[in-house]
N, C-alpha and C. Protein backbone atom coordinates (compact mmCIF):
# COMPACT_ATOMS: atom_id res chain seq x y z
N UNK A 1 30.93 -25.90 -22.13
CA UNK A 1 30.72 -24.93 -21.07
C UNK A 1 29.23 -24.89 -20.71
N UNK A 2 28.97 -24.70 -19.47
CA UNK A 2 27.59 -24.64 -19.00
C UNK A 2 27.02 -23.24 -19.25
N UNK A 3 25.75 -23.21 -19.63
CA UNK A 3 25.09 -21.92 -19.85
C UNK A 3 24.66 -21.34 -18.51
N UNK A 4 24.72 -20.01 -18.43
CA UNK A 4 24.29 -19.33 -17.21
C UNK A 4 22.77 -19.29 -17.16
N UNK A 5 22.22 -19.54 -15.99
CA UNK A 5 20.78 -19.47 -15.80
C UNK A 5 20.38 -18.02 -15.55
N UNK A 6 19.39 -17.55 -16.29
CA UNK A 6 18.89 -16.19 -16.09
C UNK A 6 17.88 -16.18 -14.97
N UNK A 7 17.89 -15.12 -14.18
CA UNK A 7 16.88 -14.97 -13.13
C UNK A 7 15.56 -14.58 -13.78
N UNK A 8 14.50 -15.20 -13.33
CA UNK A 8 13.19 -14.85 -13.86
C UNK A 8 12.62 -13.70 -13.05
N UNK A 9 12.18 -12.68 -13.74
CA UNK A 9 11.61 -11.51 -13.07
C UNK A 9 10.17 -11.77 -12.68
N UNK A 10 9.78 -11.18 -11.56
CA UNK A 10 8.39 -11.26 -11.14
C UNK A 10 7.54 -10.42 -12.08
N UNK A 11 6.39 -10.92 -12.47
CA UNK A 11 5.56 -10.19 -13.42
C UNK A 11 4.86 -9.01 -12.76
N UNK A 12 4.59 -9.11 -11.47
CA UNK A 12 3.89 -8.04 -10.77
C UNK A 12 4.87 -7.16 -10.03
N UNK A 13 4.63 -5.86 -10.07
CA UNK A 13 5.47 -4.92 -9.35
C UNK A 13 4.94 -4.65 -7.95
N UNK A 14 3.82 -5.24 -7.60
CA UNK A 14 3.21 -4.99 -6.30
C UNK A 14 4.00 -5.69 -5.21
N UNK A 15 4.29 -4.93 -4.15
CA UNK A 15 5.01 -5.47 -3.00
C UNK A 15 4.02 -5.90 -1.93
N UNK A 16 3.11 -4.97 -1.55
CA UNK A 16 2.14 -5.25 -0.50
C UNK A 16 0.85 -4.49 -0.78
N UNK A 17 -0.29 -5.11 -0.47
CA UNK A 17 -1.59 -4.47 -0.63
C UNK A 17 -2.25 -4.31 0.72
N UNK A 18 -3.06 -3.27 0.84
CA UNK A 18 -3.85 -3.05 2.05
C UNK A 18 -5.31 -3.33 1.68
N UNK A 19 -5.68 -4.61 1.70
CA UNK A 19 -7.03 -5.01 1.32
C UNK A 19 -8.07 -4.50 2.31
N UNK A 20 -7.66 -4.39 3.58
CA UNK A 20 -8.58 -3.93 4.61
C UNK A 20 -9.03 -2.49 4.36
N UNK A 21 -8.15 -1.67 3.80
CA UNK A 21 -8.51 -0.28 3.52
C UNK A 21 -9.65 -0.20 2.52
N UNK A 22 -9.62 -1.02 1.49
CA UNK A 22 -10.70 -1.00 0.49
C UNK A 22 -12.01 -1.52 1.08
N UNK A 23 -11.92 -2.39 2.08
CA UNK A 23 -13.12 -2.91 2.73
C UNK A 23 -13.71 -1.88 3.71
N UNK A 24 -12.86 -1.16 4.41
CA UNK A 24 -13.30 -0.24 5.47
C UNK A 24 -13.67 1.15 4.96
N UNK A 25 -13.16 1.56 3.80
CA UNK A 25 -13.30 2.95 3.35
C UNK A 25 -13.78 3.05 1.90
N UNK A 26 -14.40 4.20 1.59
CA UNK A 26 -14.67 4.60 0.20
C UNK A 26 -13.46 5.39 -0.26
N UNK A 27 -12.83 4.98 -1.36
CA UNK A 27 -11.64 5.67 -1.87
C UNK A 27 -12.09 6.85 -2.72
N UNK A 28 -11.62 8.05 -2.37
CA UNK A 28 -12.00 9.26 -3.09
C UNK A 28 -10.94 9.72 -4.08
N UNK A 29 -9.70 9.84 -3.63
CA UNK A 29 -8.63 10.38 -4.46
C UNK A 29 -7.34 9.63 -4.16
N UNK A 30 -6.55 9.33 -5.20
CA UNK A 30 -5.31 8.57 -5.02
C UNK A 30 -4.09 9.42 -5.38
N UNK A 31 -2.98 9.15 -4.70
CA UNK A 31 -1.71 9.81 -4.98
C UNK A 31 -0.60 8.77 -4.98
N UNK A 32 0.45 9.05 -5.76
CA UNK A 32 1.63 8.21 -5.77
C UNK A 32 2.73 8.95 -5.03
N UNK A 33 3.28 8.32 -3.99
CA UNK A 33 4.31 8.96 -3.18
C UNK A 33 5.54 8.09 -3.14
N UNK A 34 6.70 8.73 -3.16
CA UNK A 34 7.95 8.01 -2.93
C UNK A 34 8.08 7.74 -1.45
N UNK A 35 8.88 6.74 -1.08
CA UNK A 35 9.07 6.39 0.32
C UNK A 35 10.56 6.49 0.64
N UNK A 36 10.88 7.22 1.71
CA UNK A 36 12.26 7.37 2.15
C UNK A 36 12.62 6.16 3.01
N UNK A 37 13.54 5.32 2.52
CA UNK A 37 13.88 4.06 3.19
C UNK A 37 15.37 3.95 3.45
N UNK A 38 15.71 3.15 4.45
CA UNK A 38 17.11 2.81 4.72
C UNK A 38 17.48 1.59 3.86
N UNK A 39 18.77 1.32 3.75
CA UNK A 39 19.23 0.22 2.90
C UNK A 39 18.69 -1.13 3.32
N UNK A 40 18.70 -1.41 4.63
CA UNK A 40 18.22 -2.71 5.11
C UNK A 40 16.73 -2.88 4.81
N UNK A 41 15.98 -1.76 4.80
CA UNK A 41 14.54 -1.83 4.52
C UNK A 41 14.29 -2.24 3.06
N UNK A 42 15.09 -1.71 2.16
CA UNK A 42 14.93 -2.05 0.74
C UNK A 42 15.21 -3.53 0.53
N UNK A 43 16.24 -4.05 1.19
CA UNK A 43 16.57 -5.47 1.05
C UNK A 43 15.46 -6.35 1.62
N UNK A 44 14.88 -5.93 2.73
CA UNK A 44 13.77 -6.69 3.31
C UNK A 44 12.54 -6.64 2.41
N UNK A 45 12.29 -5.48 1.80
CA UNK A 45 11.16 -5.33 0.89
C UNK A 45 11.35 -6.23 -0.33
N UNK A 46 12.57 -6.33 -0.84
CA UNK A 46 12.84 -7.23 -1.97
C UNK A 46 12.52 -8.68 -1.62
N UNK A 47 12.69 -9.04 -0.35
CA UNK A 47 12.36 -10.38 0.12
C UNK A 47 10.88 -10.54 0.43
N UNK A 48 10.10 -9.43 0.39
CA UNK A 48 8.67 -9.49 0.62
C UNK A 48 8.27 -9.46 2.09
N UNK A 49 9.14 -8.98 2.94
CA UNK A 49 8.88 -8.97 4.39
C UNK A 49 8.34 -7.61 4.82
N UNK A 50 7.18 -7.24 4.27
CA UNK A 50 6.56 -5.95 4.59
C UNK A 50 5.05 -6.14 4.74
N UNK A 51 4.47 -5.35 5.65
CA UNK A 51 3.03 -5.41 5.88
C UNK A 51 2.52 -3.98 6.12
N UNK A 52 1.45 -3.59 5.41
CA UNK A 52 0.89 -2.24 5.56
C UNK A 52 -0.58 -2.27 5.98
N UNK A 53 -1.03 -3.40 6.51
CA UNK A 53 -2.44 -3.53 6.89
C UNK A 53 -2.83 -2.53 7.97
N UNK A 54 -1.99 -2.34 8.97
CA UNK A 54 -2.29 -1.44 10.08
C UNK A 54 -1.69 -0.06 9.89
N UNK A 55 -1.17 0.24 8.72
CA UNK A 55 -0.50 1.50 8.48
C UNK A 55 -1.49 2.63 8.22
N UNK A 56 -1.05 3.85 8.49
CA UNK A 56 -1.86 5.04 8.22
C UNK A 56 -0.92 6.19 7.89
N UNK A 57 -1.49 7.28 7.39
CA UNK A 57 -0.70 8.43 6.96
C UNK A 57 -1.09 9.64 7.81
N UNK A 58 -0.07 10.38 8.29
CA UNK A 58 -0.34 11.60 9.05
C UNK A 58 0.44 12.77 8.44
N UNK A 59 -0.02 13.97 8.79
CA UNK A 59 0.68 15.21 8.40
C UNK A 59 1.34 15.76 9.66
N UNK A 60 2.63 16.14 9.56
CA UNK A 60 3.33 16.73 10.70
C UNK A 60 4.30 17.78 10.17
N UNK A 61 4.09 19.02 10.54
CA UNK A 61 4.93 20.15 10.14
C UNK A 61 5.12 20.23 8.62
N UNK A 62 4.02 20.10 7.90
CA UNK A 62 4.05 20.23 6.45
C UNK A 62 4.65 19.05 5.71
N UNK A 63 4.88 17.95 6.41
CA UNK A 63 5.41 16.74 5.78
C UNK A 63 4.42 15.60 5.97
N UNK A 64 4.47 14.64 5.07
CA UNK A 64 3.57 13.48 5.12
C UNK A 64 4.39 12.28 5.58
N UNK A 65 3.86 11.55 6.57
CA UNK A 65 4.58 10.42 7.17
C UNK A 65 3.74 9.15 7.11
N UNK A 66 4.39 8.04 6.83
CA UNK A 66 3.77 6.72 6.85
C UNK A 66 4.04 6.10 8.21
N UNK A 67 2.98 5.83 8.96
CA UNK A 67 3.11 5.31 10.32
C UNK A 67 2.58 3.87 10.35
N UNK A 68 3.19 3.04 11.15
CA UNK A 68 2.67 1.70 11.40
C UNK A 68 2.97 0.66 10.33
N UNK A 69 3.72 1.02 9.29
CA UNK A 69 4.11 0.01 8.30
C UNK A 69 5.20 -0.85 8.91
N UNK A 70 5.05 -2.16 8.81
CA UNK A 70 5.97 -3.08 9.45
C UNK A 70 6.87 -3.72 8.41
N UNK A 71 8.17 -3.42 8.48
CA UNK A 71 9.16 -4.05 7.61
C UNK A 71 10.06 -4.90 8.50
N UNK A 72 9.97 -6.20 8.36
CA UNK A 72 10.74 -7.13 9.18
C UNK A 72 12.19 -7.13 8.73
N UNK A 73 13.14 -6.85 9.64
CA UNK A 73 14.55 -6.83 9.23
C UNK A 73 15.07 -8.25 8.96
N UNK A 74 15.92 -8.36 7.96
CA UNK A 74 16.57 -9.63 7.66
C UNK A 74 17.70 -9.84 8.66
N UNK A 75 17.87 -11.05 9.10
CA UNK A 75 18.90 -11.35 10.09
C UNK A 75 20.29 -11.11 9.52
N UNK A 76 20.49 -11.46 8.26
CA UNK A 76 21.81 -11.34 7.64
C UNK A 76 22.20 -9.90 7.33
N UNK A 77 21.22 -9.01 7.20
CA UNK A 77 21.50 -7.64 6.78
C UNK A 77 21.68 -6.70 7.97
N UNK A 78 20.83 -6.86 8.97
CA UNK A 78 20.82 -5.88 10.06
C UNK A 78 21.65 -6.33 11.26
N UNK A 79 22.87 -6.78 11.01
CA UNK A 79 23.74 -7.23 12.10
C UNK A 79 24.48 -6.06 12.75
N UNK A 80 24.80 -5.05 12.00
CA UNK A 80 25.60 -3.94 12.51
C UNK A 80 24.78 -2.73 12.96
N UNK A 81 23.47 -2.76 12.77
CA UNK A 81 22.61 -1.66 13.20
C UNK A 81 21.43 -2.21 13.99
N UNK A 82 20.81 -1.32 14.77
CA UNK A 82 19.60 -1.70 15.48
C UNK A 82 18.43 -1.30 14.57
N UNK A 83 17.76 -2.29 14.02
CA UNK A 83 16.68 -2.05 13.06
C UNK A 83 15.36 -1.91 13.80
N UNK A 84 14.64 -0.84 13.51
CA UNK A 84 13.32 -0.63 14.09
C UNK A 84 12.28 -0.93 13.01
N UNK A 85 11.52 -2.03 13.13
CA UNK A 85 10.62 -2.46 12.06
C UNK A 85 9.45 -1.51 11.80
N UNK A 86 8.96 -0.79 12.81
CA UNK A 86 7.78 0.06 12.61
C UNK A 86 8.11 1.53 12.71
N UNK A 87 9.30 1.92 12.32
CA UNK A 87 9.65 3.33 12.41
C UNK A 87 8.82 4.15 11.43
N UNK A 88 8.75 5.47 11.67
CA UNK A 88 7.99 6.36 10.79
C UNK A 88 8.83 6.63 9.55
N UNK A 89 8.18 6.54 8.39
CA UNK A 89 8.89 6.76 7.12
C UNK A 89 8.27 7.94 6.40
N UNK A 90 9.13 8.80 5.89
CA UNK A 90 8.67 10.01 5.20
C UNK A 90 8.18 9.66 3.80
N UNK A 91 7.04 10.23 3.42
CA UNK A 91 6.52 10.07 2.07
C UNK A 91 6.87 11.31 1.26
N UNK A 92 7.31 11.11 0.05
CA UNK A 92 7.79 12.20 -0.79
C UNK A 92 6.71 12.58 -1.81
N UNK A 93 6.18 13.80 -1.67
CA UNK A 93 5.13 14.30 -2.55
C UNK A 93 5.45 15.74 -2.96
N UNK A 94 4.76 16.22 -4.00
CA UNK A 94 4.87 17.61 -4.40
C UNK A 94 4.11 18.49 -3.43
N UNK A 95 4.48 19.78 -3.35
CA UNK A 95 3.85 20.70 -2.41
C UNK A 95 2.35 20.85 -2.66
N UNK A 96 1.94 20.87 -3.92
CA UNK A 96 0.51 20.99 -4.24
C UNK A 96 -0.26 19.77 -3.75
N UNK A 97 0.33 18.59 -3.90
CA UNK A 97 -0.32 17.37 -3.43
C UNK A 97 -0.44 17.37 -1.91
N UNK A 98 0.62 17.81 -1.23
CA UNK A 98 0.59 17.89 0.24
C UNK A 98 -0.49 18.87 0.68
N UNK A 99 -0.60 20.01 0.00
CA UNK A 99 -1.62 21.00 0.36
C UNK A 99 -3.03 20.43 0.16
N UNK A 100 -3.24 19.68 -0.92
CA UNK A 100 -4.56 19.09 -1.18
C UNK A 100 -4.90 18.05 -0.11
N UNK A 101 -3.93 17.22 0.24
CA UNK A 101 -4.14 16.20 1.27
C UNK A 101 -4.46 16.87 2.61
N UNK A 102 -3.70 17.91 2.96
CA UNK A 102 -3.91 18.61 4.22
C UNK A 102 -5.31 19.22 4.29
N UNK A 103 -5.73 19.86 3.19
CA UNK A 103 -7.06 20.49 3.16
C UNK A 103 -8.16 19.45 3.29
N UNK A 104 -7.99 18.30 2.67
CA UNK A 104 -9.02 17.26 2.71
C UNK A 104 -9.08 16.58 4.08
N UNK A 105 -7.93 16.36 4.70
CA UNK A 105 -7.89 15.69 6.00
C UNK A 105 -8.58 16.54 7.08
N UNK A 106 -8.55 17.86 6.91
CA UNK A 106 -9.16 18.75 7.89
C UNK A 106 -10.68 18.59 7.95
N UNK A 107 -11.29 18.09 6.88
CA UNK A 107 -12.74 17.89 6.84
C UNK A 107 -13.11 16.70 7.72
N UNK A 108 -14.28 16.78 8.31
CA UNK A 108 -14.75 15.71 9.20
C UNK A 108 -15.02 14.44 8.39
N UNK A 109 -14.55 13.33 8.90
CA UNK A 109 -14.80 12.04 8.26
C UNK A 109 -13.81 11.68 7.17
N UNK A 110 -12.84 12.52 6.89
CA UNK A 110 -11.85 12.25 5.86
C UNK A 110 -10.53 11.83 6.51
N UNK A 111 -9.85 10.87 5.90
CA UNK A 111 -8.53 10.46 6.37
C UNK A 111 -7.69 10.00 5.18
N UNK A 112 -6.44 9.69 5.44
CA UNK A 112 -5.53 9.28 4.39
C UNK A 112 -4.89 7.95 4.79
N UNK A 113 -4.96 6.96 3.92
CA UNK A 113 -4.42 5.63 4.21
C UNK A 113 -3.58 5.13 3.02
N UNK A 114 -2.59 4.27 3.29
CA UNK A 114 -1.85 3.65 2.18
C UNK A 114 -2.63 2.49 1.61
N UNK A 115 -2.67 2.39 0.30
CA UNK A 115 -3.37 1.28 -0.36
C UNK A 115 -2.41 0.19 -0.82
N UNK A 116 -1.22 0.60 -1.29
CA UNK A 116 -0.29 -0.40 -1.82
C UNK A 116 1.14 0.13 -1.80
N UNK A 117 2.07 -0.80 -1.75
CA UNK A 117 3.49 -0.52 -1.99
C UNK A 117 3.85 -1.27 -3.27
N UNK A 118 4.61 -0.62 -4.15
CA UNK A 118 4.98 -1.28 -5.40
C UNK A 118 6.29 -0.71 -5.92
N UNK A 119 6.90 -1.43 -6.85
CA UNK A 119 8.13 -0.99 -7.50
C UNK A 119 7.79 -0.18 -8.73
N UNK A 120 8.47 0.94 -8.91
CA UNK A 120 8.37 1.71 -10.15
C UNK A 120 9.81 1.97 -10.57
N UNK A 121 10.22 1.33 -11.65
CA UNK A 121 11.62 1.24 -12.03
C UNK A 121 12.37 0.59 -10.87
N UNK A 122 13.31 1.29 -10.24
CA UNK A 122 14.03 0.68 -9.12
C UNK A 122 13.68 1.37 -7.80
N UNK A 123 12.57 2.07 -7.75
CA UNK A 123 12.18 2.81 -6.55
C UNK A 123 10.91 2.23 -5.95
N UNK A 124 10.80 2.34 -4.63
CA UNK A 124 9.59 1.89 -3.93
C UNK A 124 8.62 3.05 -3.87
N UNK A 125 7.41 2.83 -4.34
CA UNK A 125 6.36 3.85 -4.31
C UNK A 125 5.23 3.37 -3.43
N UNK A 126 4.52 4.33 -2.85
CA UNK A 126 3.38 4.03 -2.01
C UNK A 126 2.16 4.72 -2.60
N UNK A 127 1.11 3.96 -2.86
CA UNK A 127 -0.14 4.55 -3.33
C UNK A 127 -0.97 4.89 -2.09
N UNK A 128 -1.19 6.19 -1.89
CA UNK A 128 -2.01 6.62 -0.75
C UNK A 128 -3.31 7.18 -1.28
N UNK A 129 -4.34 7.14 -0.44
CA UNK A 129 -5.66 7.57 -0.89
C UNK A 129 -6.35 8.39 0.19
N UNK A 130 -7.10 9.39 -0.26
CA UNK A 130 -7.99 10.13 0.63
C UNK A 130 -9.29 9.35 0.67
N UNK A 131 -9.74 9.02 1.88
CA UNK A 131 -10.87 8.11 2.03
C UNK A 131 -11.88 8.61 3.05
N UNK A 132 -13.10 8.08 2.94
CA UNK A 132 -14.13 8.29 3.96
C UNK A 132 -14.56 6.91 4.45
N UNK A 133 -14.94 6.83 5.71
CA UNK A 133 -15.31 5.55 6.31
C UNK A 133 -16.63 5.03 5.78
N UNK A 134 -16.73 3.70 5.67
CA UNK A 134 -17.97 3.05 5.24
C UNK A 134 -18.79 2.70 6.48
N UNK A 135 -20.10 2.76 6.33
CA UNK A 135 -21.01 2.27 7.35
C UNK A 135 -21.13 0.75 7.19
N UNK A 136 -21.68 0.09 8.18
CA UNK A 136 -21.81 -1.37 8.14
C UNK A 136 -22.66 -1.83 6.94
N UNK A 137 -23.75 -1.08 6.66
CA UNK A 137 -24.61 -1.49 5.54
C UNK A 137 -23.91 -1.30 4.20
N UNK A 138 -22.98 -0.33 4.10
CA UNK A 138 -22.20 -0.16 2.87
C UNK A 138 -21.29 -1.36 2.64
N UNK A 139 -20.69 -1.86 3.73
CA UNK A 139 -19.80 -3.02 3.61
C UNK A 139 -20.58 -4.24 3.14
N UNK A 140 -21.80 -4.41 3.67
CA UNK A 140 -22.63 -5.55 3.26
C UNK A 140 -23.01 -5.44 1.79
N UNK A 141 -23.36 -4.23 1.36
CA UNK A 141 -23.74 -4.03 -0.05
C UNK A 141 -22.57 -4.33 -0.97
N UNK A 142 -21.38 -3.90 -0.60
CA UNK A 142 -20.18 -4.18 -1.40
C UNK A 142 -19.95 -5.68 -1.51
N UNK A 143 -20.10 -6.38 -0.39
CA UNK A 143 -19.90 -7.82 -0.40
C UNK A 143 -20.95 -8.52 -1.26
N UNK A 144 -22.20 -8.04 -1.19
CA UNK A 144 -23.28 -8.61 -2.00
C UNK A 144 -22.99 -8.43 -3.49
N UNK A 145 -22.54 -7.23 -3.87
CA UNK A 145 -22.22 -6.95 -5.28
C UNK A 145 -21.08 -7.86 -5.75
N UNK A 146 -20.08 -8.05 -4.91
CA UNK A 146 -18.95 -8.89 -5.26
C UNK A 146 -19.42 -10.34 -5.47
N UNK A 147 -20.26 -10.84 -4.58
CA UNK A 147 -20.78 -12.20 -4.71
C UNK A 147 -21.62 -12.36 -5.98
N UNK A 148 -22.44 -11.37 -6.27
CA UNK A 148 -23.28 -11.41 -7.47
C UNK A 148 -22.41 -11.41 -8.73
N UNK A 149 -21.33 -10.65 -8.73
CA UNK A 149 -20.41 -10.63 -9.86
C UNK A 149 -19.79 -12.00 -10.08
N UNK A 150 -19.42 -12.68 -8.99
CA UNK A 150 -18.86 -14.03 -9.11
C UNK A 150 -19.89 -15.01 -9.66
N UNK A 151 -21.13 -14.90 -9.18
CA UNK A 151 -22.19 -15.79 -9.66
C UNK A 151 -22.45 -15.58 -11.15
N UNK A 152 -22.49 -14.31 -11.58
CA UNK A 152 -22.70 -14.01 -13.01
C UNK A 152 -21.60 -14.63 -13.85
N UNK A 153 -20.35 -14.47 -13.41
CA UNK A 153 -19.22 -15.03 -14.16
C UNK A 153 -19.32 -16.55 -14.23
N UNK A 154 -19.73 -17.19 -13.15
CA UNK A 154 -19.88 -18.63 -13.10
C UNK A 154 -20.97 -19.10 -14.07
N UNK A 155 -22.10 -18.39 -14.09
CA UNK A 155 -23.22 -18.73 -14.97
C UNK A 155 -22.81 -18.59 -16.45
N UNK A 156 -22.11 -17.49 -16.75
CA UNK A 156 -21.67 -17.26 -18.13
C UNK A 156 -20.70 -18.34 -18.57
N UNK A 157 -19.80 -18.75 -17.69
CA UNK A 157 -18.85 -19.81 -18.02
C UNK A 157 -19.55 -21.13 -18.29
N UNK A 158 -20.57 -21.45 -17.46
CA UNK A 158 -21.27 -22.73 -17.63
C UNK A 158 -22.05 -22.76 -18.95
N UNK A 159 -22.66 -21.66 -19.34
CA UNK A 159 -23.47 -21.64 -20.56
C UNK A 159 -22.61 -21.46 -21.80
N UNK A 160 -21.45 -20.85 -21.68
CA UNK A 160 -20.57 -20.65 -22.84
C UNK A 160 -19.82 -21.92 -23.18
N UNK A 161 -19.50 -22.73 -22.17
CA UNK A 161 -18.68 -23.92 -22.39
C UNK A 161 -19.41 -25.13 -22.64
């Protein structure tokens, strides 16, 4: 008898990262939020067809919403419904967290953006952050520090080996 092949699990639980957010903003405070999704969206996310680069978070009537996240519908799944890839998705947070986010967003220069989507057990979570915008010189300094870190690592490797 032939042995059954086991599926290999992905080592990383990360679904999508918003690298642009870390480049454009200083991250002040992070929160973990659940995401309210439809069935076809979960199947598309499992296939990796999601993008949060242009996404942002807003407050509306005491609720937190993820706007602009693009989940591409699978052709085989969304045959019986009209799938809207960029619909608004509700983020699930505790009342105290919502109050803190609301108070911080009211300050000038503060906003809330999604940093990552990831799996936690069998649920999709969104890491959102309260951020302030970076100036152009801050972006250059960050890039310089990153390059210097790479050079240091390269030098250490050459002398150690």
